[in-house]
Amino acid sequence: MATGEEIVPALQDSWGDFWLFRFFVNAAGYASIVVPGFLLIQYFKRRNYLETGRGICFPVIKSCVFGSEVKSAHQDDGSLPLRAEPTESSTARQVFKLLFCAAGLQASYLTWGVLQERVMTRTYGATETDPGEKFKDSQFLVFMNRILAFTVAGLYCALTKQPRHGAPMYKYSFASLSNILSSWCQYEALKYISFPTQVLAKASKVIPVMMMGKLVSRKSYEYWEYLTAALISVGVSMFLLSSAPNRTGSSVTTFSGIVLLAGYIIFDSFTSNWQDALFTYKMSPVQMMFGVNVFSCLFTVGSLLEQGALLESLRFMARHSEFTAHAVLLSVCSACGQLFIFYTINQFGAAVFTIIMTLRQAFAILLSCLIYGHTVTVVGGLGIAVVFMALFLRVYARSRMKKRSKKLPPGETPVQKV
């Protein structure tokens, strides 16, 4: 019979492996940084520190709490300003930029996805006598990704000329926190869900991003944008589900996996739209990357230290050199991917970025079919046709809207934006 001393560690291990428990522990770690920061920001604002503050700390506090640009009257409520429309350029140049963004995102995140599944679902150090061990701390992987991205962005900003920074630094923390949580949910979901469920959720992310755009940036979308977004999600889902590999007993869809995927979609949709709105401060994509990752490193390292998980993860790296190589390569892909993310959102907006990332799933399966000789089913072929039909309709509708706007008298637009 098990003694009380044996039962307590077993209960601790079971709770420690439960994703919801880990989520609240991580959230508590973030709250220990967010809450004092929020109180300090409110304190400086109530004291009108911008007018009365002096001393050596004044420039730092001014940059973190107030920023360097004077906001217009309609921004006094603390909301983000509407994103300015990009200046028109030649069609060929825009197409080249879009292809460049798409290629960079595909290369970075296709590699990242393969490594992500390897790290979270396979063991390390397995031998004939030892089954090996799995790496369990998703937050450490998020920290590894963010620390390299922070370093790359910081060096780039230091060595190159950047626009004068105007956004209050604390506004980056919102995108940072949602980005951390979305990444954590994505890593954790791989432990609980089947491949078809995962890709179905990712393929359907376009509409949540557009809905979040209405909430965060007060954007309005045309009916054809909603229609084509839905068609793209349906088409990619058809292709992925029909081409998905056979499920094994270890890859079972669970309620926990569905909840984690829902969290990933919600947090990720907020992140891209908040970043989209922050670009109205005329910052560069690398400045955005630096600002978000400053807070990401602060949140994750603080939470890891509070839990005592940082040293344990470093010990795992020391025991398994293969894991170290995978974690470093994951970080490299993540850093490159972030550069392309910020640039794409800045140039084309959050909805276009999400379409590119959704199509990434289809490209991964298509490459697998070409390399390994997998056949495409009739349903998969129909899915591909639906996707490209939706893209054609989107391009056609957008060109019609531009023609209509050119025919209207100066000062009038075909659709009144809210």
Protein backbone atom coordinates (compact mmCIF):
# COMPACT_ATOMS: atom_id res chain seq x y z
CA MET A 1 0.00 0.00 0.00
CA ALA A 2 1.31 3.42 -0.89
CA THR A 3 2.25 5.64 2.03
CA GLY A 4 1.28 9.29 2.41
CA GLU A 5 4.82 10.35 1.50
CA GLU A 6 4.54 8.42 -1.80
CA ILE A 7 1.08 9.77 -2.67
CA VAL A 8 1.94 13.46 -2.25
CA PRO A 9 4.70 13.53 -4.91
CA ALA A 10 2.42 11.59 -7.27
CA LEU A 11 -0.34 14.16 -6.83
CA GLN A 12 2.17 16.97 -7.34
CA ASP A 13 3.40 15.36 -10.57
CA SER A 14 -0.16 14.91 -11.90
CA TRP A 15 -1.07 18.53 -11.14
CA GLY A 16 2.22 19.72 -12.63
CA ASP A 17 1.42 17.88 -15.87
CA PHE A 18 -2.10 19.33 -16.13
CA TRP A 19 -2.11 22.12 -18.74
CA LEU A 20 -4.73 24.26 -16.98
CA PHE A 21 -2.69 24.25 -13.77
CA ARG A 22 0.43 25.27 -15.68
CA PHE A 23 -1.54 27.97 -17.50
CA PHE A 24 -2.65 29.58 -14.22
CA VAL A 25 0.84 29.27 -12.74
CA ASN A 26 2.29 31.03 -15.79
CA ALA A 27 -0.47 33.66 -15.69
CA ALA A 28 0.28 34.30 -12.02
CA GLY A 29 3.92 34.86 -12.94
CA TYR A 30 2.95 37.37 -15.63
CA ALA A 31 0.53 39.09 -13.24
CA SER A 32 3.35 39.62 -10.73
CA ILE A 33 4.95 41.86 -13.37
CA VAL A 34 1.86 43.31 -15.06
CA VAL A 35 0.01 44.46 -11.94
CA PRO A 36 2.87 46.52 -10.42
CA GLY A 37 3.59 47.95 -13.86
CA PHE A 38 -0.05 48.97 -14.33
CA LEU A 39 -0.12 50.65 -10.90
CA LEU A 40 3.08 52.57 -11.69
CA ILE A 41 1.67 53.78 -15.03
CA GLN A 42 -1.52 54.98 -13.34
CA TYR A 43 0.52 56.69 -10.62
CA PHE A 44 2.65 58.65 -13.10
CA LYS A 45 -0.41 59.63 -15.14
CA ARG A 46 -2.32 60.86 -12.08
CA ARG A 47 0.69 62.90 -10.97
CA ASN A 48 0.93 64.47 -14.44
CA TYR A 49 4.56 63.37 -14.46
CA LEU A 50 5.02 64.55 -18.04
CA GLU A 51 4.72 68.15 -16.82
CA THR A 52 6.13 67.92 -13.31
CA GLY A 53 8.75 65.17 -13.56
CA ARG A 54 12.47 65.87 -13.36
CA GLY A 55 15.67 63.98 -12.73
CA ILE A 56 17.76 61.25 -14.33
CA CYS A 57 14.82 58.81 -14.64
CA PHE A 58 12.57 61.29 -16.46
CA PRO A 59 13.53 60.27 -20.07
CA VAL A 60 12.99 56.56 -19.32
CA ILE A 61 9.63 57.09 -17.61
CA LYS A 62 8.52 59.48 -20.34
CA SER A 63 9.34 56.93 -23.04
CA CYS A 64 7.70 54.02 -21.21
CA VAL A 65 4.52 55.76 -20.06
CA PHE A 66 3.87 58.69 -22.39
CA GLY A 67 5.91 58.19 -25.55
CA SER A 68 7.42 60.93 -27.69
CA GLU A 69 4.50 61.98 -29.91
CA VAL A 70 1.60 64.23 -28.95
CA LYS A 71 -1.68 62.43 -29.60
CA SER A 72 -4.64 64.11 -31.22
CA ALA A 73 -7.83 64.86 -29.32
CA HIS A 74 -9.72 61.78 -30.49
CA GLN A 75 -7.01 59.56 -28.96
CA ASP A 76 -7.29 60.88 -25.41
CA ASP A 77 -9.47 57.93 -24.39
CA GLY A 78 -6.41 55.66 -24.55
CA SER A 79 -7.53 53.76 -27.62
CA LEU A 80 -5.19 53.10 -30.50
CA PRO A 81 -5.50 55.35 -33.57
CA LEU A 82 -6.72 53.98 -36.85
CA ARG A 83 -4.03 52.51 -39.07
CA ALA A 84 -3.08 54.85 -41.88
CA GLU A 85 -3.58 53.51 -45.36
CA PRO A 86 -0.29 52.67 -47.12
CA THR A 87 0.76 54.92 -49.94
CA GLU A 88 0.05 53.63 -53.41
CA SER A 89 2.93 52.12 -55.36
CA SER A 90 3.26 50.32 -58.66
CA THR A 91 1.44 47.03 -59.05
CA ALA A 92 4.64 45.16 -59.90
CA ARG A 93 6.36 46.42 -56.76
CA GLN A 94 3.41 45.46 -54.57
CA VAL A 95 3.31 41.98 -56.11
CA PHE A 96 7.05 41.57 -55.50
CA LYS A 97 6.66 42.65 -51.88
CA LEU A 98 3.79 40.22 -51.36
CA LEU A 99 5.74 37.32 -52.91
CA PHE A 100 8.78 38.21 -50.79
CA CYS A 101 6.70 38.22 -47.60
CA ALA A 102 4.97 34.97 -48.52
CA ALA A 103 8.24 33.18 -49.35
CA GLY A 104 9.92 34.34 -46.15
CA LEU A 105 7.00 33.32 -43.98
CA GLN A 106 6.73 29.91 -45.67
CA ALA A 107 10.44 29.09 -45.32
CA SER A 108 10.63 30.22 -41.68
CA TYR A 109 7.46 28.63 -40.39
CA LEU A 110 7.48 25.40 -42.39
CA THR A 111 10.85 24.62 -40.83
CA TRP A 112 9.64 25.86 -37.45
CA GLY A 113 6.52 23.65 -37.62
CA VAL A 114 8.52 20.49 -38.32
CA LEU A 115 10.85 21.18 -35.40
CA GLN A 116 7.99 22.15 -33.11
CA GLU A 117 6.29 18.78 -33.56
CA ARG A 118 9.60 16.96 -33.08
CA VAL A 119 10.36 18.72 -29.79
CA MET A 120 6.89 18.38 -28.25
CA THR A 121 5.92 14.85 -29.33
CA ARG A 122 9.16 12.82 -29.42
CA THR A 123 11.57 11.66 -26.73
CA TYR A 124 15.26 12.50 -26.35
CA GLY A 125 18.04 10.19 -25.25
CA ALA A 126 16.20 6.96 -26.09
CA THR A 127 18.29 3.78 -26.24
CA GLU A 128 17.57 0.06 -26.27
CA THR A 129 17.38 0.03 -22.47
CA ASP A 130 16.19 3.59 -21.82
CA PRO A 131 12.92 4.94 -23.31
CA GLY A 132 14.23 8.48 -23.07
CA GLU A 133 12.38 11.54 -21.81
CA LYS A 134 10.14 14.22 -23.31
CA PHE A 135 10.59 17.94 -22.89
CA LYS A 136 7.50 19.35 -21.17
CA ASP A 137 7.99 23.08 -20.49
CA SER A 138 6.46 24.99 -23.40
CA GLN A 139 7.18 28.32 -21.73
CA PHE A 140 10.94 27.73 -21.93
CA LEU A 141 10.67 27.23 -25.70
CA VAL A 142 8.75 30.52 -25.94
CA PHE A 143 11.52 32.20 -23.93
CA MET A 144 14.22 30.74 -26.20
CA ASN A 145 12.41 32.04 -29.27
CA ARG A 146 11.93 35.53 -27.83
CA ILE A 147 15.44 36.04 -26.42
CA LEU A 148 17.05 35.53 -29.84
CA ALA A 149 14.46 37.72 -31.55
CA PHE A 150 15.08 40.43 -28.93
CA THR A 151 18.86 40.23 -29.50
CA VAL A 152 18.59 40.37 -33.30
CA ALA A 153 16.15 43.29 -33.24
CA GLY A 154 18.21 45.18 -30.65
CA LEU A 155 21.43 44.86 -32.65
CA TYR A 156 19.68 45.89 -35.87
CA CYS A 157 18.15 48.97 -34.24
CA ALA A 158 21.53 49.92 -32.73
CA LEU A 159 23.45 49.57 -36.01
CA THR A 160 20.96 51.13 -38.42
CA LYS A 161 19.04 54.38 -38.56
CA GLN A 162 15.46 53.97 -37.38
CA PRO A 163 12.45 56.34 -37.32
CA ARG A 164 12.03 58.48 -34.22
CA HIS A 165 10.19 56.29 -31.74
CA GLY A 166 6.91 57.69 -30.50
CA ALA A 167 4.76 54.90 -29.02
CA PRO A 168 4.60 54.54 -25.21
CA MET A 169 6.60 51.41 -24.43
CA TYR A 170 3.93 49.90 -22.21
CA LYS A 171 1.62 49.46 -25.24
CA TYR A 172 3.94 46.74 -26.54
CA SER A 173 3.15 44.68 -23.45
CA PHE A 174 -0.39 43.92 -24.68
CA ALA A 175 0.84 42.33 -27.91
CA SER A 176 3.68 40.66 -26.02
CA LEU A 177 1.41 39.00 -23.46
CA SER A 178 -1.08 37.76 -26.05
CA ASN A 179 1.80 36.53 -28.24
CA ILE A 180 3.31 34.55 -25.36
CA LEU A 181 -0.03 32.98 -24.51
CA SER A 182 -0.82 32.10 -28.13
CA SER A 183 2.60 30.46 -28.58
CA TRP A 184 2.22 28.55 -25.32
CA CYS A 185 -1.25 27.29 -26.31
CA GLN A 186 0.09 26.17 -29.70
CA TYR A 187 2.95 24.19 -28.13
CA GLU A 188 0.69 22.63 -25.50
CA ALA A 189 -2.04 21.73 -28.02
CA LEU A 190 0.34 19.32 -29.77
CA LYS A 191 0.17 17.10 -26.67
CA TYR A 192 -3.59 16.66 -26.84
CA ILE A 193 -5.02 17.01 -30.35
CA SER A 194 -4.98 15.13 -33.62
CA PHE A 195 -3.45 16.61 -36.75
CA PRO A 196 -6.79 17.21 -38.58
CA THR A 197 -8.22 19.14 -35.63
CA GLN A 198 -5.15 21.33 -35.38
CA VAL A 199 -5.02 22.27 -39.05
CA LEU A 200 -8.78 22.80 -39.18
CA ALA A 201 -8.51 25.41 -36.43
CA LYS A 202 -5.55 27.16 -38.05
CA ALA A 203 -7.20 27.18 -41.47
CA SER A 204 -10.28 28.87 -40.02
CA LYS A 205 -8.32 31.70 -38.38
CA VAL A 206 -8.98 34.35 -41.04
CA ILE A 207 -12.48 35.23 -39.83
CA PRO A 208 -11.50 35.58 -36.13
CA VAL A 209 -8.69 37.94 -37.18
CA MET A 210 -11.13 40.10 -39.14
CA MET A 211 -13.56 40.14 -36.20
CA MET A 212 -10.76 41.13 -33.85
CA GLY A 213 -9.82 43.89 -36.30
CA LYS A 214 -13.27 45.39 -35.83
CA LEU A 215 -12.88 45.31 -32.05
CA VAL A 216 -9.26 46.48 -31.75
CA SER A 217 -8.80 48.83 -34.73
CA ARG A 218 -12.48 49.68 -35.47
CA LYS A 219 -12.05 48.39 -39.03
CA SER A 220 -14.88 47.65 -41.39
CA TYR A 221 -14.77 44.94 -44.04
CA GLU A 222 -16.75 44.42 -47.22
CA TYR A 223 -19.09 41.45 -47.58
CA TRP A 224 -16.78 39.94 -50.22
CA GLU A 225 -13.90 39.98 -47.73
CA TYR A 226 -15.94 37.88 -45.31
CA LEU A 227 -17.08 35.60 -48.13
CA THR A 228 -13.59 34.98 -49.52
CA ALA A 229 -12.16 34.49 -46.02
CA ALA A 230 -14.76 31.82 -45.36
CA LEU A 231 -14.10 30.14 -48.74
CA ILE A 232 -10.34 30.07 -48.08
CA SER A 233 -10.89 28.49 -44.68
CA VAL A 234 -13.25 25.88 -46.13
CA GLY A 235 -10.98 25.08 -49.09
CA VAL A 236 -7.80 24.72 -47.04
CA SER A 237 -9.64 22.62 -44.47
CA MET A 238 -10.95 20.29 -47.19
CA PHE A 239 -7.47 19.82 -48.59
CA LEU A 240 -5.77 19.31 -45.25
CA LEU A 241 -8.38 16.96 -43.81
CA SER A 242 -8.45 14.81 -46.93
CA SER A 243 -4.64 14.66 -47.10
CA ALA A 244 -3.97 14.21 -43.39
CA PRO A 245 -1.93 11.17 -42.38
CA ASN A 246 -3.62 8.34 -40.55
CA ARG A 247 -4.13 9.04 -36.89
CA THR A 248 -2.43 6.91 -34.33
CA GLY A 249 -3.52 6.05 -30.84
CA SER A 250 -1.18 8.66 -29.38
CA SER A 251 -2.76 11.45 -31.41
CA VAL A 252 -6.25 11.74 -30.04
CA THR A 253 -8.48 14.77 -30.15
CA THR A 254 -9.46 15.82 -26.63
CA PHE A 255 -11.46 18.57 -25.04
CA SER A 256 -8.24 20.04 -23.64
CA GLY A 257 -6.77 20.24 -27.13
CA ILE A 258 -9.84 22.04 -28.47
CA VAL A 259 -9.74 24.57 -25.61
CA LEU A 260 -6.03 25.20 -26.18
CA LEU A 261 -6.60 25.73 -29.91
CA ALA A 262 -9.42 28.18 -29.14
CA GLY A 263 -7.03 30.05 -26.85
CA TYR A 264 -4.37 30.08 -29.56
CA ILE A 265 -6.79 31.53 -32.14
CA ILE A 266 -8.13 34.23 -29.79
CA PHE A 267 -4.72 35.35 -28.51
CA ASP A 268 -3.10 35.25 -31.95
CA SER A 269 -5.94 37.22 -33.55
CA PHE A 270 -5.57 39.94 -30.93
CA THR A 271 -1.77 40.04 -31.34
CA SER A 272 -1.76 40.67 -35.09
CA ASN A 273 -4.47 43.34 -34.90
CA TRP A 274 -2.88 45.17 -31.97
CA GLN A 275 0.43 45.23 -33.83
CA ASP A 276 -1.39 46.43 -36.93
CA ALA A 277 -2.80 49.37 -34.95
CA LEU A 278 0.54 50.15 -33.27
CA PHE A 279 2.13 50.76 -36.67
CA THR A 280 0.24 54.09 -36.79
CA TYR A 281 3.09 55.44 -34.65
CA LYS A 282 5.27 55.25 -37.80
CA MET A 283 7.73 52.78 -36.32
CA SER A 284 9.75 50.29 -38.33
CA PRO A 285 8.99 46.54 -38.23
CA VAL A 286 12.25 45.93 -36.36
CA GLN A 287 11.32 48.50 -33.71
CA MET A 288 8.03 46.66 -33.30
CA MET A 289 9.90 43.37 -32.98
CA PHE A 290 12.24 44.83 -30.37
CA GLY A 291 9.47 46.42 -28.31
CA VAL A 292 7.30 43.29 -28.20
CA ASN A 293 10.20 40.98 -27.38
CA VAL A 294 11.50 43.18 -24.57
CA PHE A 295 8.31 42.46 -22.66
CA SER A 296 8.17 38.85 -23.85
CA CYS A 297 11.61 38.16 -22.37
CA LEU A 298 10.68 39.99 -19.17
CA PHE A 299 7.43 38.05 -18.73
CA THR A 300 8.79 34.59 -19.56
CA VAL A 301 12.07 34.76 -17.65
CA GLY A 302 10.28 36.21 -14.62
CA SER A 303 7.70 33.40 -14.65
CA LEU A 304 10.34 30.70 -15.22
CA LEU A 305 12.47 31.97 -12.32
CA GLU A 306 9.47 32.15 -9.99
CA GLN A 307 8.59 28.53 -10.81
CA GLY A 308 12.19 27.30 -10.66
CA ALA A 309 11.72 25.91 -14.20
CA LEU A 310 14.57 27.78 -15.89
CA LEU A 311 17.35 25.73 -14.29
CA GLU A 312 15.51 22.45 -14.95
CA SER A 313 15.16 23.28 -18.64
CA LEU A 314 18.84 24.20 -18.87
CA ARG A 315 19.72 20.86 -17.26
CA PHE A 316 17.60 19.11 -19.92
CA MET A 317 19.59 20.96 -22.60
CA ALA A 318 22.84 19.83 -20.99
CA ARG A 319 21.66 16.20 -20.97
CA HIS A 320 20.49 16.19 -24.61
CA SER A 321 22.61 17.98 -27.21
CA GLU A 322 20.08 17.10 -29.91
CA PHE A 323 17.41 19.05 -28.06
CA THR A 324 19.81 21.99 -27.77
CA ALA A 325 20.29 22.03 -31.54
CA HIS A 326 16.55 21.82 -32.13
CA ALA A 327 15.79 24.60 -29.63
CA VAL A 328 18.39 26.91 -31.19
CA LEU A 329 17.12 26.25 -34.72
CA LEU A 330 13.56 26.85 -33.50
CA SER A 331 14.68 30.22 -32.16
CA VAL A 332 16.39 31.15 -35.44
CA CYS A 333 13.28 30.30 -37.45
CA SER A 334 11.10 32.19 -34.98
CA ALA A 335 13.30 35.30 -35.14
CA CYS A 336 13.32 35.32 -38.95
CA GLY A 337 9.61 34.61 -38.99
CA GLN A 338 8.89 37.55 -36.70
CA LEU A 339 10.76 39.90 -39.00
CA PHE A 340 8.56 38.76 -41.87
CA ILE A 341 5.42 38.93 -39.70
CA PHE A 342 5.92 42.56 -38.72
CA TYR A 343 6.89 43.59 -42.24
CA THR A 344 3.87 41.82 -43.75
CA ILE A 345 1.41 43.31 -41.26
CA ASN A 346 2.91 46.76 -41.80
CA GLN A 347 2.66 46.50 -45.59
CA PHE A 348 -0.57 44.54 -46.12
CA GLY A 349 -2.47 44.31 -42.82
CA ALA A 350 -3.41 41.49 -40.45
CA ALA A 351 -5.97 39.78 -42.71
CA VAL A 352 -3.50 39.30 -45.62
CA PHE A 353 -0.89 38.02 -43.18
CA THR A 354 -3.35 35.44 -41.83
CA ILE A 355 -4.23 34.27 -45.35
CA ILE A 356 -0.53 33.66 -46.08
CA MET A 357 -0.11 31.74 -42.83
CA THR A 358 -3.26 29.73 -43.52
CA LEU A 359 -2.01 28.73 -46.98
CA ARG A 360 1.25 27.64 -45.35
CA GLN A 361 -0.59 24.57 -44.06
CA ALA A 362 -1.67 23.60 -47.57
CA PHE A 363 1.85 24.11 -48.94
CA ALA A 364 3.25 21.76 -46.28
CA ILE A 365 0.92 18.95 -47.38
CA LEU A 366 1.46 19.72 -51.06
CA LEU A 367 5.25 19.44 -50.65
CA SER A 368 4.76 16.15 -48.84
CA CYS A 369 2.69 14.84 -51.77
CA LEU A 370 5.34 15.87 -54.30
CA ILE A 371 8.31 14.52 -52.35
CA TYR A 372 6.86 11.31 -50.93
CA GLY A 373 4.32 10.44 -53.65
CA HIS A 374 1.15 10.85 -51.61
CA THR A 375 -1.99 11.05 -53.73
CA VAL A 376 -4.39 13.99 -53.60
CA THR A 377 -7.97 12.87 -53.15
CA VAL A 378 -10.94 14.30 -55.03
CA VAL A 379 -11.97 16.24 -51.91
CA GLY A 380 -8.43 17.62 -51.60
CA GLY A 381 -8.45 18.74 -55.23
CA LEU A 382 -11.78 20.48 -54.70
CA GLY A 383 -10.31 22.21 -51.67
CA ILE A 384 -7.42 23.57 -53.73
CA ALA A 385 -9.88 24.80 -56.36
CA VAL A 386 -11.98 26.55 -53.71
CA VAL A 387 -8.91 28.32 -52.29
CA PHE A 388 -7.71 29.67 -55.62
CA MET A 389 -11.25 30.63 -56.63
CA ALA A 390 -11.54 32.62 -53.40
CA LEU A 391 -8.21 34.34 -54.02
CA PHE A 392 -9.28 35.21 -57.56
CA LEU A 393 -12.55 36.68 -56.27
CA ARG A 394 -10.65 38.70 -53.67
CA VAL A 395 -8.28 40.19 -56.25
CA TYR A 396 -11.15 40.86 -58.68
CA ALA A 397 -13.31 42.54 -56.03
CA ARG A 398 -10.44 44.69 -54.80
CA SER A 399 -9.62 45.88 -58.34
CA ARG A 400 -13.30 46.78 -58.88
CA MET A 401 -13.30 48.79 -55.65
CA LYS A 402 -10.21 50.73 -56.77
CA LYS A 403 -11.81 51.52 -60.12
CA ARG A 404 -14.97 52.76 -58.40
CA SER A 405 -12.98 54.98 -56.05
CA LYS A 406 -11.13 56.58 -58.99
CA LYS A 407 -14.43 57.47 -60.69
CA LEU A 408 -15.85 59.24 -57.62
CA PRO A 409 -15.36 62.99 -57.15
CA PRO A 410 -12.46 64.07 -54.88
CA GLY A 411 -13.27 63.71 -51.17
CA GLU A 412 -15.79 60.90 -51.62
CA THR A 413 -15.22 57.20 -51.06
CA PRO A 414 -17.31 54.23 -52.16
CA VAL A 415 -17.65 52.99 -48.58
CA GLN A 416 -17.78 55.07 -45.43
CA LYS A 417 -15.42 53.60 -42.87
CA VAL A 418 -16.56 53.54 -39.26
